[in-house]
């Protein structure tokens, strides 16, 4: 069903209907945004708009025109709204998202916006007073989402705005997310940011280096960056496991090789009395054990 064929289409706010009818292929911005400008001139670029259920006609959500425009993902439309007074700190009711949350989120169907344009719009929102540390209902802040979705340019802008890099979401900080998901470019930006704390642990005593050693991809770049930054290569978590043991447990031979080359201690035992080689035997990961035996 197209949005124009929504059974309660006529009930919707004129600003939303104008947004829905924008022809994104039109390169003439003045012509393209004429209906939206007319609707904004009659009302405001800010304020919550009702979204109606297509079966009952009852309000099922309240959201701003700016947030909807960010979901739609057209640069000219979003910039027009910001230039005409849209408040970047207004949130929608269901998830407590701001417009920045949407811009740093994963891609949505039909978006034409580029990474550079996302960063430019966030910079404009910040200029207009946006709070870069606003948490959604799950306590995810924009920096979390930017790291999760590998939006390096957006991370640059958030750092420029003095974002808090130490906020915790389900035990994870932006730095640990970057390490675990092998976001080495973002990890370096966070490590170079003076406000980032690196000597932190989760509830199980895991450090950022433990996260990197268990990386989603067997790639040593993040481990190497953290070692270069001075993190203790032999630090143990609450179970006595070192980053080397974690890498062996998760069968990450390239990471194991990098840790061994950096002089990780292969003789340390965890609280079960097992060293890295014993964990290799438990997990039947011969390639990792072979690397340990080369030391």
Protein backbone atom coordinates (compact mmCIF):
# COMPACT_ATOMS: atom_id res chain seq x y z
CA UNK A 1 0.00 0.00 0.00
CA UNK A 2 1.38 3.41 -0.97
CA UNK A 3 1.22 6.10 1.65
CA UNK A 4 -1.18 8.13 -0.48
CA UNK A 5 -3.56 5.14 -0.47
CA UNK A 6 -3.53 4.87 3.32
CA UNK A 7 -7.21 4.52 4.37
CA UNK A 8 -6.81 7.46 6.75
CA UNK A 9 -4.51 9.53 4.55
CA UNK A 10 -6.70 12.64 4.83
CA UNK A 11 -6.30 12.66 8.61
CA UNK A 12 -2.55 13.14 8.41
CA UNK A 13 -0.83 16.45 9.03
CA UNK A 14 -0.25 18.52 5.89
CA UNK A 15 3.50 18.62 6.64
CA UNK A 16 3.68 14.84 6.56
CA UNK A 17 1.63 14.60 3.36
CA UNK A 18 3.93 17.16 1.76
CA UNK A 19 6.96 15.13 2.83
CA UNK A 20 5.45 11.94 1.45
CA UNK A 21 4.86 13.48 -1.97
CA UNK A 22 8.38 14.85 -2.46
CA UNK A 23 9.98 13.70 -5.71
CA UNK A 24 13.54 12.91 -4.63
CA UNK A 25 14.72 12.64 -8.22
CA UNK A 26 13.95 16.34 -8.77
CA UNK A 27 17.25 18.24 -8.68
CA UNK A 28 15.53 21.64 -8.46
CA UNK A 29 15.38 22.03 -4.68
CA UNK A 30 13.06 25.04 -4.76
CA UNK A 31 10.53 23.20 -6.89
CA UNK A 32 11.06 19.92 -5.05
CA UNK A 33 10.37 21.40 -1.61
CA UNK A 34 7.62 23.89 -2.56
CA UNK A 35 4.75 21.94 -0.96
CA UNK A 36 6.77 21.25 2.19
CA UNK A 37 7.69 24.93 2.45
CA UNK A 38 4.04 25.90 2.13
CA UNK A 39 3.04 23.44 4.86
CA UNK A 40 5.85 24.59 7.16
CA UNK A 41 4.94 28.26 6.60
CA UNK A 42 1.39 27.51 7.78
CA UNK A 43 2.58 25.71 10.89
CA UNK A 44 6.05 24.90 12.18
CA UNK A 45 9.04 22.73 11.39
CA UNK A 46 8.83 21.37 14.94
CA UNK A 47 6.20 19.57 17.00
CA UNK A 48 4.93 16.01 17.21
CA UNK A 49 2.78 14.56 14.43
CA UNK A 50 0.29 11.71 14.82
CA UNK A 51 0.86 8.52 12.85
CA UNK A 52 -2.41 6.61 12.41
CA UNK A 53 -2.95 2.88 12.39
CA UNK A 54 -4.03 1.77 8.91
CA UNK A 55 -6.75 -0.52 10.33
CA UNK A 56 -8.22 1.42 13.23
CA UNK A 57 -7.36 5.02 12.44
CA UNK A 58 -6.16 5.43 16.02
CA UNK A 59 -2.90 7.19 16.82
CA UNK A 60 -0.18 4.56 17.09
CA UNK A 61 2.85 6.87 17.28
CA UNK A 62 3.87 10.49 17.66
CA UNK A 63 6.94 11.69 15.79
CA UNK A 64 8.46 14.89 14.43
CA UNK A 65 8.62 15.81 10.77
CA UNK A 66 12.42 16.07 11.12
CA UNK A 67 12.74 12.50 12.39
CA UNK A 68 10.52 11.21 9.61
CA UNK A 69 12.64 13.10 7.09
CA UNK A 70 15.76 11.46 8.56
CA UNK A 71 14.17 8.03 8.12
CA UNK A 72 13.30 9.00 4.53
CA UNK A 73 16.95 9.97 4.08
CA UNK A 74 16.95 12.87 1.61
CA UNK A 75 19.68 15.43 2.31
CA UNK A 76 17.94 18.50 0.86
CA UNK A 77 14.73 17.84 2.79
CA UNK A 78 16.48 17.39 6.13
CA UNK A 79 18.63 20.47 5.63
CA UNK A 80 15.57 22.50 4.65
CA UNK A 81 13.82 21.55 7.89
CA UNK A 82 16.87 22.39 10.00
CA UNK A 83 17.31 25.72 8.22
CA UNK A 84 13.66 26.50 8.94
CA UNK A 85 13.63 25.93 12.68
CA UNK A 86 13.20 22.20 13.23
CA UNK A 87 14.30 21.32 16.77
CA UNK A 88 16.93 18.52 16.65
CA UNK A 89 16.31 17.68 20.32
CA UNK A 90 12.65 16.74 19.90
CA UNK A 91 12.11 13.00 20.33
CA UNK A 92 9.50 10.60 19.06
CA UNK A 93 7.33 8.96 21.71
CA UNK A 94 7.92 5.25 21.17
CA UNK A 95 11.71 4.88 21.42
CA UNK A 96 12.80 8.34 22.60
CA UNK A 97 14.93 8.77 19.47
CA UNK A 98 16.34 12.07 18.29
CA UNK A 99 17.07 12.90 14.66
CA UNK A 100 20.77 12.18 15.26
CA UNK A 101 19.92 8.64 16.41
CA UNK A 102 18.24 8.04 13.06
CA UNK A 103 21.10 9.50 11.02
CA UNK A 104 23.71 7.27 12.68
CA UNK A 105 21.51 4.17 12.53
CA UNK A 106 21.69 1.52 9.84
CA UNK A 107 20.40 2.28 6.34
CA UNK A 108 16.67 2.34 5.72
CA UNK A 109 14.99 1.38 2.45
CA UNK A 110 14.91 4.19 -0.09
CA UNK A 111 17.51 6.46 1.52
CA UNK A 112 19.76 8.39 -0.85
CA UNK A 113 21.86 10.16 1.77
CA UNK A 114 25.65 9.63 1.74
CA UNK A 115 28.00 9.18 4.69
CA UNK A 116 29.44 12.67 4.21
CA UNK A 117 25.96 14.16 4.10
CA UNK A 118 25.01 12.39 7.32
CA UNK A 119 28.03 13.96 9.01
CA UNK A 120 27.23 17.40 7.58
CA UNK A 121 23.65 17.23 8.84
CA UNK A 122 24.75 16.14 12.32
CA UNK A 123 27.17 19.05 12.37
CA UNK A 124 24.28 21.39 11.47
CA UNK A 125 22.11 19.85 14.19
CA UNK A 126 24.86 20.41 16.73
CA UNK A 127 25.14 24.01 15.55
CA UNK A 128 21.40 24.25 16.21
CA UNK A 129 21.82 23.00 19.78
CA UNK A 130 21.47 19.22 19.45
CA UNK A 131 22.39 17.12 22.48
CA UNK A 132 24.86 14.50 21.22
CA UNK A 133 24.61 12.46 24.43
CA UNK A 134 20.84 11.90 24.46
CA UNK A 135 20.00 8.24 25.32
CA UNK A 136 17.08 6.45 23.70
CA UNK A 137 14.77 4.24 25.78
CA UNK A 138 17.34 1.44 25.67
CA UNK A 139 20.13 3.82 26.81
CA UNK A 140 21.78 3.81 23.39
CA UNK A 141 23.37 7.16 22.60
CA UNK A 142 24.36 8.36 19.11
CA UNK A 143 28.01 7.38 19.62
CA UNK A 144 26.98 3.77 20.30
CA UNK A 145 24.94 3.61 17.10
CA UNK A 146 27.62 5.34 15.05
CA UNK A 147 30.17 2.72 16.13
CA UNK A 148 27.80 -0.21 15.65
CA UNK A 149 26.99 0.95 12.12
CA UNK A 150 30.61 1.83 11.27
CA UNK A 151 29.84 5.50 10.57
CA UNK A 152 33.35 6.85 10.87
CA UNK A 153 32.60 10.37 9.60
CA UNK A 154 29.73 10.70 12.05
CA UNK A 155 32.06 9.66 14.87
CA UNK A 156 34.41 12.50 13.84
CA UNK A 157 31.59 15.03 14.17
CA UNK A 158 30.44 13.65 17.52
CA UNK A 159 33.99 13.83 18.87
CA UNK A 160 34.25 17.43 17.64
CA UNK A 161 31.15 18.12 19.74
CA UNK A 162 32.79 16.63 22.87
CA UNK A 163 30.58 13.54 22.96
CA UNK A 164 30.88 11.36 26.06
CA UNK A 165 32.78 8.25 24.84
CA UNK A 166 32.39 6.38 28.13
CA UNK A 167 28.63 5.83 28.24
CA UNK A 168 27.66 2.23 28.95
CA UNK A 169 25.02 0.21 27.09
CA UNK A 170 24.41 -3.35 28.34
CA UNK A 171 27.93 -3.45 29.75
CA UNK A 172 29.56 -2.12 26.59
CA UNK A 173 31.17 1.21 25.82
CA UNK A 174 31.75 2.61 22.33
CA UNK A 175 35.40 1.55 22.61
CA UNK A 176 34.55 -2.06 23.42
CA UNK A 177 31.98 -2.20 20.61
CA UNK A 178 34.59 -0.90 18.17
CA UNK A 179 37.10 -3.48 19.40
CA UNK A 180 34.70 -6.42 19.23
CA UNK A 181 33.31 -5.48 15.82
CA UNK A 182 36.77 -4.82 14.31
CA UNK A 183 36.11 -1.13 13.68
CA UNK A 184 39.81 -0.30 13.69
CA UNK A 185 39.44 3.18 12.14
CA UNK A 186 36.85 4.18 14.72
CA UNK A 187 38.83 2.50 17.50
CA UNK A 188 41.85 4.66 16.66
CA UNK A 189 39.71 7.82 16.69
CA UNK A 190 38.38 6.89 20.14
CA UNK A 191 41.84 6.02 21.45
CA UNK A 192 43.14 9.40 20.24
CA UNK A 193 40.23 11.19 21.94
CA UNK A 194 41.52 12.38 25.36
CA UNK A 195 38.19 11.78 27.11
CA UNK A 196 38.13 8.07 26.29
CA UNK A 197 38.88 5.79 29.25
CA UNK A 198 40.81 2.67 28.29
CA UNK A 199 41.39 1.09 31.72
CA UNK A 200 37.81 -0.13 32.08
CA UNK A 201 36.27 -3.56 32.67
CA UNK A 202 32.84 -5.09 32.27
CA UNK A 203 31.03 -7.04 34.99
CA UNK A 204 33.05 -10.17 34.19
CA UNK A 205 36.34 -8.28 34.43
CA UNK A 206 36.80 -8.23 30.66
CA UNK A 207 38.91 -5.39 29.28
CA UNK A 208 38.84 -3.71 25.88
CA UNK A 209 41.68 -6.01 24.85
CA UNK A 210 39.59 -9.05 25.79
CA UNK A 211 36.83 -7.72 23.51
CA UNK A 212 39.29 -7.22 20.66
CA UNK A 213 40.73 -10.71 21.15
CA UNK A 214 37.23 -12.13 20.68
CA UNK A 215 36.64 -9.99 17.59
CA UNK A 216 33.88 -10.89 15.19
CA UNK A 217 36.52 -11.18 12.47
CA UNK A 218 39.94 -12.79 12.90
CA UNK A 219 41.76 -9.55 12.21
CA UNK A 220 44.51 -8.26 14.53
CA UNK A 221 44.31 -4.53 13.74
CA UNK A 222 42.29 -3.60 16.85
CA UNK A 223 44.44 -5.79 19.11
CA UNK A 224 47.57 -4.14 17.72
CA UNK A 225 46.15 -0.65 18.29
CA UNK A 226 45.29 -1.44 21.91
CA UNK A 227 48.70 -2.95 22.61
CA UNK A 228 50.33 0.13 21.09
CA UNK A 229 48.10 2.28 23.33
CA UNK A 230 49.63 0.57 26.37
CA UNK A 231 46.94 -1.87 27.49
CA UNK A 232 48.23 -4.74 29.60
CA UNK A 233 48.57 -7.70 27.23
CA UNK A 234 48.48 -10.25 30.07
CA UNK A 235 45.62 -8.81 32.10
CA UNK A 236 43.20 -11.43 33.44
CA UNK A 237 39.43 -11.29 33.77
CA UNK A 238 37.49 -12.67 36.74
CA UNK A 239 37.97 -16.23 35.47
CA UNK A 240 41.67 -15.66 35.07
CA UNK A 241 41.57 -15.61 31.28
CA UNK A 242 44.00 -13.41 29.38
CA UNK A 243 43.30 -11.89 25.94
CA UNK A 244 45.47 -14.67 24.48
CA UNK A 245 43.25 -17.31 26.09
CA UNK A 246 40.16 -15.57 24.74
CA UNK A 247 41.61 -15.53 21.23
CA UNK A 248 42.38 -19.26 21.49
CA UNK A 249 38.92 -20.03 22.86
CA UNK A 250 37.25 -18.27 19.92
CA UNK A 251 39.71 -19.73 17.38
CA UNK A 252 41.27 -16.50 16.14
CA UNK A 253 44.70 -17.64 14.85
CA UNK A 254 45.68 -14.29 13.32
CA UNK A 255 44.92 -12.54 16.59
CA UNK A 256 46.76 -15.26 18.53
CA UNK A 257 49.78 -14.74 16.28
CA UNK A 258 49.72 -10.99 16.91
CA UNK A 259 49.47 -11.43 20.69
CA UNK A 260 52.29 -13.97 20.73
CA UNK A 261 54.45 -11.64 18.61
CA UNK A 262 53.82 -8.92 21.20
CA UNK A 263 55.18 -11.25 23.91
CA UNK A 264 51.93 -12.39 25.50
CA UNK A 265 52.69 -14.88 28.28
CA UNK A 266 51.60 -18.35 27.11
CA UNK A 267 52.24 -19.94 30.55
CA UNK A 268 49.59 -18.05 32.54
CA UNK A 269 46.82 -20.29 33.88
CA UNK A 270 43.22 -19.35 34.55
CA UNK A 271 41.22 -20.26 37.66
CA UNK A 272 40.53 -23.71 36.20
CA UNK A 273 44.27 -24.29 36.01
CA UNK A 274 44.36 -24.14 32.21
CA UNK A 275 46.78 -22.22 30.06
CA UNK A 276 46.21 -21.08 26.48
CA UNK A 277 47.41 -24.40 25.02
CA UNK A 278 44.99 -26.35 27.20
CA UNK A 279 42.13 -24.16 25.96
CA UNK A 280 43.21 -24.93 22.40
CA UNK A 281 42.92 -28.64 23.23
CA UNK A 282 39.46 -28.11 24.76
CA UNK A 283 38.26 -26.28 21.65
CA UNK A 284 40.16 -28.49 19.18
CA UNK A 285 41.83 -25.50 17.52
CA UNK A 286 45.15 -26.91 16.37
CA UNK A 287 46.18 -23.88 14.31
CA UNK A 288 46.12 -21.66 17.40
CA UNK A 289 48.07 -24.26 19.40
CA UNK A 290 50.70 -24.51 16.68
CA UNK A 291 51.27 -20.75 16.93
CA UNK A 292 51.69 -21.00 20.71
CA UNK A 293 54.28 -23.74 20.33
CA UNK A 294 56.34 -21.63 17.94
CA UNK A 295 57.22 -19.22 20.73
